[in-house]
Amino acid sequence: MSDKKQCKAENRRGEQCKAFAGESGVCFMHDATKGKERAIARRNGGLATKQPHYADASVLPLTIRNSASVLIVLDYALQESVGLDNSIQRGRLLVSIAHGYIEALKVGEMEQRLEAVEVALKSRKQNK
């Protein structure tokens, strides 16, 4: 049998807390004198779970007005997602980014073709 005592405090449901008690008879979470330490622990816990950035956000365009800007955003998104933990969600994200590349490349190609047709028509008009 353990020599640790159970916390004397009650949880939100009115049941006795199941955590081990400290010297004060209550656990770390219920000890009124540990408020500052709890705040520090919450902050440190949040910082420990924060994901690092893998890409440079300064390369992102301020506005997106053409397919070249879209490709820059997709490049950034790909760099950010490659460093994430391998998961089903990451796999789906990578497939979605690949689909975004395909769509952006299609639109970019159509823009180039349309521009070439417009140039050809304009030169044809000028030659008449």
N, C-alpha and C. Protein backbone atom coordinates (compact mmCIF):
# COMPACT_ATOMS: atom_id res chain seq x y z
N MET A 1 0.83 -1.18 0.00
CA MET A 1 0.00 0.00 0.00
C MET A 1 0.88 1.25 0.00
N SER A 2 0.46 2.28 -0.71
CA SER A 2 1.25 3.50 -0.85
C SER A 2 1.18 4.33 0.43
N ASP A 3 2.30 4.98 0.75
CA ASP A 3 2.31 5.83 1.93
C ASP A 3 1.86 7.26 1.61
N LYS A 4 1.51 7.54 0.35
CA LYS A 4 1.03 8.86 -0.06
C LYS A 4 -0.44 8.98 0.28
N LYS A 5 -0.81 10.18 0.71
CA LYS A 5 -2.20 10.43 1.07
C LYS A 5 -2.94 11.07 -0.10
N GLN A 6 -4.22 10.85 -0.13
CA GLN A 6 -5.06 11.40 -1.19
C GLN A 6 -5.45 12.83 -0.82
N CYS A 7 -5.58 13.67 -1.83
CA CYS A 7 -5.97 15.07 -1.65
C CYS A 7 -7.33 15.15 -0.94
N LYS A 8 -7.46 16.11 -0.03
CA LYS A 8 -8.70 16.28 0.73
C LYS A 8 -9.74 17.10 -0.01
N ALA A 9 -9.35 17.78 -1.07
CA ALA A 9 -10.26 18.68 -1.79
C ALA A 9 -11.24 17.89 -2.65
N GLU A 10 -12.29 18.57 -3.07
CA GLU A 10 -13.29 17.97 -3.97
C GLU A 10 -13.11 18.56 -5.37
N ASN A 11 -13.45 17.75 -6.37
CA ASN A 11 -13.40 18.24 -7.74
C ASN A 11 -14.71 18.96 -8.07
N ARG A 12 -14.88 19.38 -9.29
CA ARG A 12 -16.07 20.15 -9.70
C ARG A 12 -17.36 19.36 -9.57
N ARG A 13 -17.27 18.06 -9.63
CA ARG A 13 -18.47 17.21 -9.51
C ARG A 13 -18.81 16.89 -8.05
N GLY A 14 -18.02 17.42 -7.13
CA GLY A 14 -18.27 17.16 -5.72
C GLY A 14 -17.64 15.88 -5.20
N GLU A 15 -16.85 15.22 -6.05
CA GLU A 15 -16.18 13.99 -5.65
C GLU A 15 -14.80 14.33 -5.09
N GLN A 16 -14.27 13.43 -4.28
CA GLN A 16 -12.95 13.67 -3.73
C GLN A 16 -11.90 13.60 -4.84
N CYS A 17 -10.97 14.55 -4.81
CA CYS A 17 -9.87 14.60 -5.80
C CYS A 17 -9.05 13.32 -5.67
N LYS A 18 -8.64 12.76 -6.78
CA LYS A 18 -7.90 11.51 -6.77
C LYS A 18 -6.38 11.69 -6.79
N ALA A 19 -5.93 12.95 -6.81
CA ALA A 19 -4.49 13.22 -6.84
C ALA A 19 -3.88 13.02 -5.45
N PHE A 20 -2.56 12.84 -5.44
CA PHE A 20 -1.85 12.69 -4.17
C PHE A 20 -1.71 14.05 -3.51
N ALA A 21 -1.83 14.07 -2.20
CA ALA A 21 -1.74 15.31 -1.42
C ALA A 21 -0.29 15.65 -1.12
N GLY A 22 -0.04 16.93 -1.02
CA GLY A 22 1.27 17.41 -0.58
C GLY A 22 1.27 17.54 0.93
N GLU A 23 2.22 18.29 1.45
CA GLU A 23 2.34 18.45 2.91
C GLU A 23 1.13 19.18 3.49
N SER A 24 0.48 20.01 2.65
CA SER A 24 -0.67 20.78 3.14
C SER A 24 -1.95 19.95 3.21
N GLY A 25 -1.92 18.73 2.70
CA GLY A 25 -3.10 17.88 2.71
C GLY A 25 -3.90 17.94 1.43
N VAL A 26 -3.52 18.85 0.52
CA VAL A 26 -4.19 18.95 -0.78
C VAL A 26 -3.14 18.86 -1.88
N CYS A 27 -3.59 18.56 -3.09
CA CYS A 27 -2.66 18.41 -4.22
C CYS A 27 -2.20 19.77 -4.75
N PHE A 28 -1.31 19.75 -5.69
CA PHE A 28 -0.75 20.96 -6.31
C PHE A 28 -1.86 21.83 -6.89
N MET A 29 -2.84 21.21 -7.53
CA MET A 29 -3.91 21.98 -8.18
C MET A 29 -4.87 22.63 -7.18
N HIS A 30 -5.02 22.05 -6.01
CA HIS A 30 -5.97 22.59 -5.03
C HIS A 30 -5.30 23.43 -3.94
N ASP A 31 -4.00 23.48 -3.92
CA ASP A 31 -3.28 24.24 -2.90
C ASP A 31 -3.37 25.73 -3.22
N ALA A 32 -4.02 26.49 -2.37
CA ALA A 32 -4.23 27.93 -2.59
C ALA A 32 -2.91 28.71 -2.60
N THR A 33 -1.88 28.19 -1.98
CA THR A 33 -0.60 28.91 -1.93
C THR A 33 0.26 28.68 -3.18
N LYS A 34 -0.19 27.83 -4.07
CA LYS A 34 0.61 27.48 -5.25
C LYS A 34 0.10 28.13 -6.54
N GLY A 35 -0.69 29.19 -6.44
CA GLY A 35 -1.27 29.83 -7.62
C GLY A 35 -0.22 30.30 -8.62
N LYS A 36 0.83 30.94 -8.12
CA LYS A 36 1.88 31.45 -9.00
C LYS A 36 2.60 30.30 -9.71
N GLU A 37 2.90 29.24 -8.95
CA GLU A 37 3.57 28.07 -9.53
C GLU A 37 2.69 27.40 -10.58
N ARG A 38 1.36 27.34 -10.33
CA ARG A 38 0.44 26.75 -11.32
C ARG A 38 0.43 27.58 -12.60
N ALA A 39 0.44 28.91 -12.48
CA ALA A 39 0.45 29.78 -13.66
C ALA A 39 1.72 29.55 -14.48
N ILE A 40 2.85 29.43 -13.79
CA ILE A 40 4.13 29.17 -14.48
C ILE A 40 4.09 27.81 -15.16
N ALA A 41 3.56 26.81 -14.47
CA ALA A 41 3.47 25.46 -15.05
C ALA A 41 2.57 25.44 -16.28
N ARG A 42 1.44 26.16 -16.24
CA ARG A 42 0.55 26.22 -17.41
C ARG A 42 1.27 26.88 -18.59
N ARG A 43 1.98 27.97 -18.30
CA ARG A 43 2.72 28.66 -19.37
C ARG A 43 3.79 27.74 -19.96
N ASN A 44 4.55 27.09 -19.11
CA ASN A 44 5.60 26.19 -19.59
C ASN A 44 5.01 25.02 -20.37
N GLY A 45 3.89 24.51 -19.93
CA GLY A 45 3.23 23.42 -20.66
C GLY A 45 2.80 23.86 -22.03
N GLY A 46 2.27 25.08 -22.15
CA GLY A 46 1.87 25.61 -23.45
C GLY A 46 3.06 25.81 -24.36
N LEU A 47 4.16 26.30 -23.80
CA LEU A 47 5.36 26.51 -24.61
C LEU A 47 5.96 25.19 -25.07
N ALA A 48 5.84 24.15 -24.25
CA ALA A 48 6.41 22.85 -24.60
C ALA A 48 5.66 22.21 -25.77
N THR A 49 4.37 22.53 -25.92
CA THR A 49 3.59 21.92 -26.99
C THR A 49 3.54 22.78 -28.25
N LYS A 50 4.14 23.95 -28.21
CA LYS A 50 4.12 24.85 -29.36
C LYS A 50 4.99 24.29 -30.49
N GLN A 51 4.44 24.27 -31.69
CA GLN A 51 5.18 23.75 -32.85
C GLN A 51 6.09 24.84 -33.44
N PRO A 52 7.30 24.50 -33.81
CA PRO A 52 8.18 25.49 -34.43
C PRO A 52 7.75 25.74 -35.88
N HIS A 53 8.18 26.88 -36.40
CA HIS A 53 7.93 27.17 -37.82
C HIS A 53 9.07 26.57 -38.63
N TYR A 54 8.73 26.04 -39.79
CA TYR A 54 9.73 25.44 -40.66
C TYR A 54 10.00 26.30 -41.89
N ALA A 55 9.17 27.32 -42.10
CA ALA A 55 9.30 28.17 -43.28
C ALA A 55 9.38 29.62 -42.83
N ASP A 56 9.83 30.48 -43.74
CA ASP A 56 9.99 31.90 -43.47
C ASP A 56 8.74 32.64 -43.94
N ALA A 57 7.97 33.16 -43.00
CA ALA A 57 6.70 33.83 -43.32
C ALA A 57 6.92 35.15 -44.05
N SER A 58 8.13 35.69 -44.01
CA SER A 58 8.38 36.98 -44.68
C SER A 58 8.30 36.86 -46.21
N VAL A 59 8.34 35.64 -46.73
CA VAL A 59 8.26 35.47 -48.19
C VAL A 59 6.82 35.51 -48.69
N LEU A 60 5.85 35.44 -47.77
CA LEU A 60 4.44 35.43 -48.19
C LEU A 60 4.04 36.78 -48.76
N PRO A 61 3.32 36.78 -49.87
CA PRO A 61 2.87 38.05 -50.45
C PRO A 61 1.79 38.69 -49.57
N LEU A 62 1.75 40.02 -49.56
CA LEU A 62 0.73 40.72 -48.78
C LEU A 62 -0.64 40.55 -49.41
N THR A 63 -0.68 40.50 -50.72
CA THR A 63 -1.93 40.27 -51.44
C THR A 63 -1.71 39.16 -52.47
N ILE A 64 -2.77 38.47 -52.78
CA ILE A 64 -2.69 37.39 -53.76
C ILE A 64 -3.56 37.80 -54.94
N ARG A 65 -2.89 38.12 -56.06
CA ARG A 65 -3.62 38.60 -57.23
C ARG A 65 -3.34 37.79 -58.50
N ASN A 66 -2.45 36.79 -58.39
CA ASN A 66 -2.15 35.98 -59.57
C ASN A 66 -1.68 34.59 -59.12
N SER A 67 -1.53 33.72 -60.10
CA SER A 67 -1.15 32.34 -59.77
C SER A 67 0.26 32.24 -59.21
N ALA A 68 1.13 33.18 -59.55
CA ALA A 68 2.48 33.17 -58.98
C ALA A 68 2.43 33.39 -57.47
N SER A 69 1.56 34.28 -57.02
CA SER A 69 1.40 34.51 -55.58
C SER A 69 0.83 33.28 -54.88
N VAL A 70 -0.10 32.62 -55.56
CA VAL A 70 -0.69 31.39 -55.00
C VAL A 70 0.40 30.33 -54.84
N LEU A 71 1.27 30.21 -55.81
CA LEU A 71 2.36 29.22 -55.73
C LEU A 71 3.30 29.53 -54.57
N ILE A 72 3.53 30.81 -54.29
CA ILE A 72 4.37 31.19 -53.15
C ILE A 72 3.73 30.74 -51.85
N VAL A 73 2.41 30.96 -51.73
CA VAL A 73 1.69 30.53 -50.52
C VAL A 73 1.72 29.00 -50.39
N LEU A 74 1.55 28.30 -51.51
CA LEU A 74 1.59 26.84 -51.48
C LEU A 74 2.99 26.33 -51.10
N ASP A 75 4.04 26.99 -51.60
CA ASP A 75 5.40 26.62 -51.22
C ASP A 75 5.59 26.77 -49.71
N TYR A 76 5.08 27.89 -49.16
CA TYR A 76 5.17 28.13 -47.72
C TYR A 76 4.41 27.04 -46.95
N ALA A 77 3.19 26.75 -47.37
CA ALA A 77 2.37 25.74 -46.69
C ALA A 77 3.04 24.37 -46.74
N LEU A 78 3.65 24.03 -47.86
CA LEU A 78 4.33 22.75 -47.98
C LEU A 78 5.53 22.68 -47.03
N GLN A 79 6.32 23.75 -46.98
CA GLN A 79 7.48 23.76 -46.08
C GLN A 79 7.04 23.64 -44.62
N GLU A 80 5.95 24.31 -44.28
CA GLU A 80 5.44 24.24 -42.90
C GLU A 80 4.95 22.83 -42.56
N SER A 81 4.30 22.16 -43.51
CA SER A 81 3.69 20.86 -43.21
C SER A 81 4.65 19.69 -43.26
N VAL A 82 5.73 19.81 -43.99
CA VAL A 82 6.67 18.70 -44.10
C VAL A 82 7.29 18.38 -42.74
N GLY A 83 7.50 19.38 -41.91
CA GLY A 83 8.13 19.16 -40.61
C GLY A 83 7.20 18.63 -39.54
N LEU A 84 5.90 18.57 -39.81
CA LEU A 84 4.95 18.11 -38.81
C LEU A 84 5.08 16.60 -38.59
N ASP A 85 4.54 16.14 -37.46
CA ASP A 85 4.54 14.70 -37.19
C ASP A 85 3.74 13.97 -38.25
N ASN A 86 4.20 12.78 -38.60
CA ASN A 86 3.52 11.98 -39.61
C ASN A 86 2.17 11.52 -39.05
N SER A 87 1.10 11.84 -39.77
CA SER A 87 -0.24 11.46 -39.32
C SER A 87 -1.17 11.43 -40.52
N ILE A 88 -2.36 10.93 -40.30
CA ILE A 88 -3.37 10.93 -41.36
C ILE A 88 -3.69 12.36 -41.77
N GLN A 89 -3.82 13.25 -40.79
CA GLN A 89 -4.13 14.65 -41.09
C GLN A 89 -3.03 15.29 -41.93
N ARG A 90 -1.76 14.99 -41.60
CA ARG A 90 -0.65 15.54 -42.37
C ARG A 90 -0.68 15.00 -43.80
N GLY A 91 -0.97 13.72 -43.94
CA GLY A 91 -1.08 13.13 -45.28
C GLY A 91 -2.17 13.80 -46.09
N ARG A 92 -3.31 14.04 -45.47
CA ARG A 92 -4.41 14.72 -46.16
C ARG A 92 -4.02 16.14 -46.54
N LEU A 93 -3.32 16.82 -45.64
CA LEU A 93 -2.87 18.18 -45.92
C LEU A 93 -1.92 18.19 -47.11
N LEU A 94 -0.98 17.26 -47.15
CA LEU A 94 -0.03 17.21 -48.27
C LEU A 94 -0.75 16.94 -49.59
N VAL A 95 -1.75 16.05 -49.57
CA VAL A 95 -2.52 15.79 -50.79
C VAL A 95 -3.28 17.05 -51.20
N SER A 96 -3.83 17.75 -50.24
CA SER A 96 -4.56 18.98 -50.53
C SER A 96 -3.64 20.05 -51.11
N ILE A 97 -2.44 20.16 -50.57
CA ILE A 97 -1.46 21.12 -51.11
C ILE A 97 -1.08 20.73 -52.53
N ALA A 98 -0.87 19.44 -52.78
CA ALA A 98 -0.55 18.98 -54.14
C ALA A 98 -1.68 19.33 -55.09
N HIS A 99 -2.92 19.16 -54.65
CA HIS A 99 -4.08 19.53 -55.47
C HIS A 99 -4.07 21.04 -55.73
N GLY A 100 -3.72 21.81 -54.73
CA GLY A 100 -3.62 23.26 -54.90
C GLY A 100 -2.57 23.62 -55.94
N TYR A 101 -1.44 22.92 -55.92
CA TYR A 101 -0.40 23.16 -56.94
C TYR A 101 -0.94 22.87 -58.34
N ILE A 102 -1.62 21.75 -58.48
CA ILE A 102 -2.16 21.38 -59.79
C ILE A 102 -3.11 22.45 -60.29
N GLU A 103 -4.01 22.90 -59.43
CA GLU A 103 -4.98 23.93 -59.83
C GLU A 103 -4.29 25.25 -60.17
N ALA A 104 -3.32 25.65 -59.36
CA ALA A 104 -2.60 26.89 -59.62
C ALA A 104 -1.81 26.80 -60.93
N LEU A 105 -1.21 25.65 -61.19
CA LEU A 105 -0.47 25.48 -62.44
C LEU A 105 -1.40 25.50 -63.65
N LYS A 106 -2.58 24.89 -63.51
CA LYS A 106 -3.57 24.92 -64.60
C LYS A 106 -3.98 26.35 -64.90
N VAL A 107 -4.31 27.09 -63.87
CA VAL A 107 -4.74 28.48 -64.06
C VAL A 107 -3.60 29.31 -64.64
N GLY A 108 -2.38 29.09 -64.14
CA GLY A 108 -1.22 29.82 -64.67
C GLY A 108 -1.00 29.53 -66.14
N GLU A 109 -1.16 28.27 -66.53
CA GLU A 109 -1.01 27.91 -67.94
C GLU A 109 -2.09 28.56 -68.80
N MET A 110 -3.33 28.57 -68.27
CA MET A 110 -4.42 29.21 -69.01
C MET A 110 -4.18 30.71 -69.14
N GLU A 111 -3.65 31.34 -68.10
CA GLU A 111 -3.33 32.77 -68.17
C GLU A 111 -2.29 33.02 -69.26
N GLN A 112 -1.26 32.18 -69.33
CA GLN A 112 -0.21 32.34 -70.33
C GLN A 112 -0.77 32.14 -71.74
N ARG A 113 -1.61 31.14 -71.92
CA ARG A 113 -2.20 30.88 -73.23
C ARG A 113 -3.09 32.05 -73.66
N LEU A 114 -3.91 32.55 -72.74
CA LEU A 114 -4.79 33.66 -73.05
C LEU A 114 -3.99 34.90 -73.41
N GLU A 115 -2.91 35.13 -72.67
CA GLU A 115 -2.06 36.27 -72.98
C GLU A 115 -1.43 36.13 -74.36
N ALA A 116 -1.00 34.91 -74.72
CA ALA A 116 -0.41 34.68 -76.04
C ALA A 116 -1.44 34.91 -77.14
N VAL A 117 -2.68 34.47 -76.91
CA VAL A 117 -3.75 34.69 -77.90
C VAL A 117 -4.03 36.18 -78.04
N GLU A 118 -4.08 36.90 -76.93
CA GLU A 118 -4.34 38.34 -76.98
C GLU A 118 -3.23 39.07 -77.72
N VAL A 119 -1.98 38.68 -77.50
CA VAL A 119 -0.85 39.30 -78.19
C VAL A 119 -0.94 39.01 -79.69
N ALA A 120 -1.27 37.76 -80.03
CA ALA A 120 -1.39 37.40 -81.44
C ALA A 120 -2.52 38.17 -82.11
N LEU A 121 -3.64 38.30 -81.45
CA LEU A 121 -4.77 39.05 -82.02
C LEU A 121 -4.43 40.53 -82.16
N LYS A 122 -3.74 41.07 -81.17
CA LYS A 122 -3.36 42.49 -81.22
C LYS A 122 -2.40 42.74 -82.38
N SER A 123 -1.42 41.87 -82.57
CA SER A 123 -0.46 42.05 -83.68
C SER A 123 -1.16 41.83 -85.02
N ARG A 124 -2.13 40.95 -85.05
CA ARG A 124 -2.90 40.71 -86.28
C ARG A 124 -3.69 41.95 -86.66
N LYS A 125 -4.28 42.60 -85.66
CA LYS A 125 -5.05 43.83 -85.88
C LYS A 125 -4.17 44.93 -86.41
N GLN A 126 -2.95 45.04 -85.83
CA GLN A 126 -2.03 46.10 -86.21
C GLN A 126 -1.49 45.87 -87.63
N ASN A 127 -1.41 44.62 -88.08
CA ASN A 127 -0.89 44.30 -89.41
C ASN A 127 -1.92 44.56 -90.50
N LYS A 128 -3.19 44.70 -90.16
CA LYS A 128 -4.23 44.93 -91.17
C LYS A 128 -4.29 46.34 -91.61
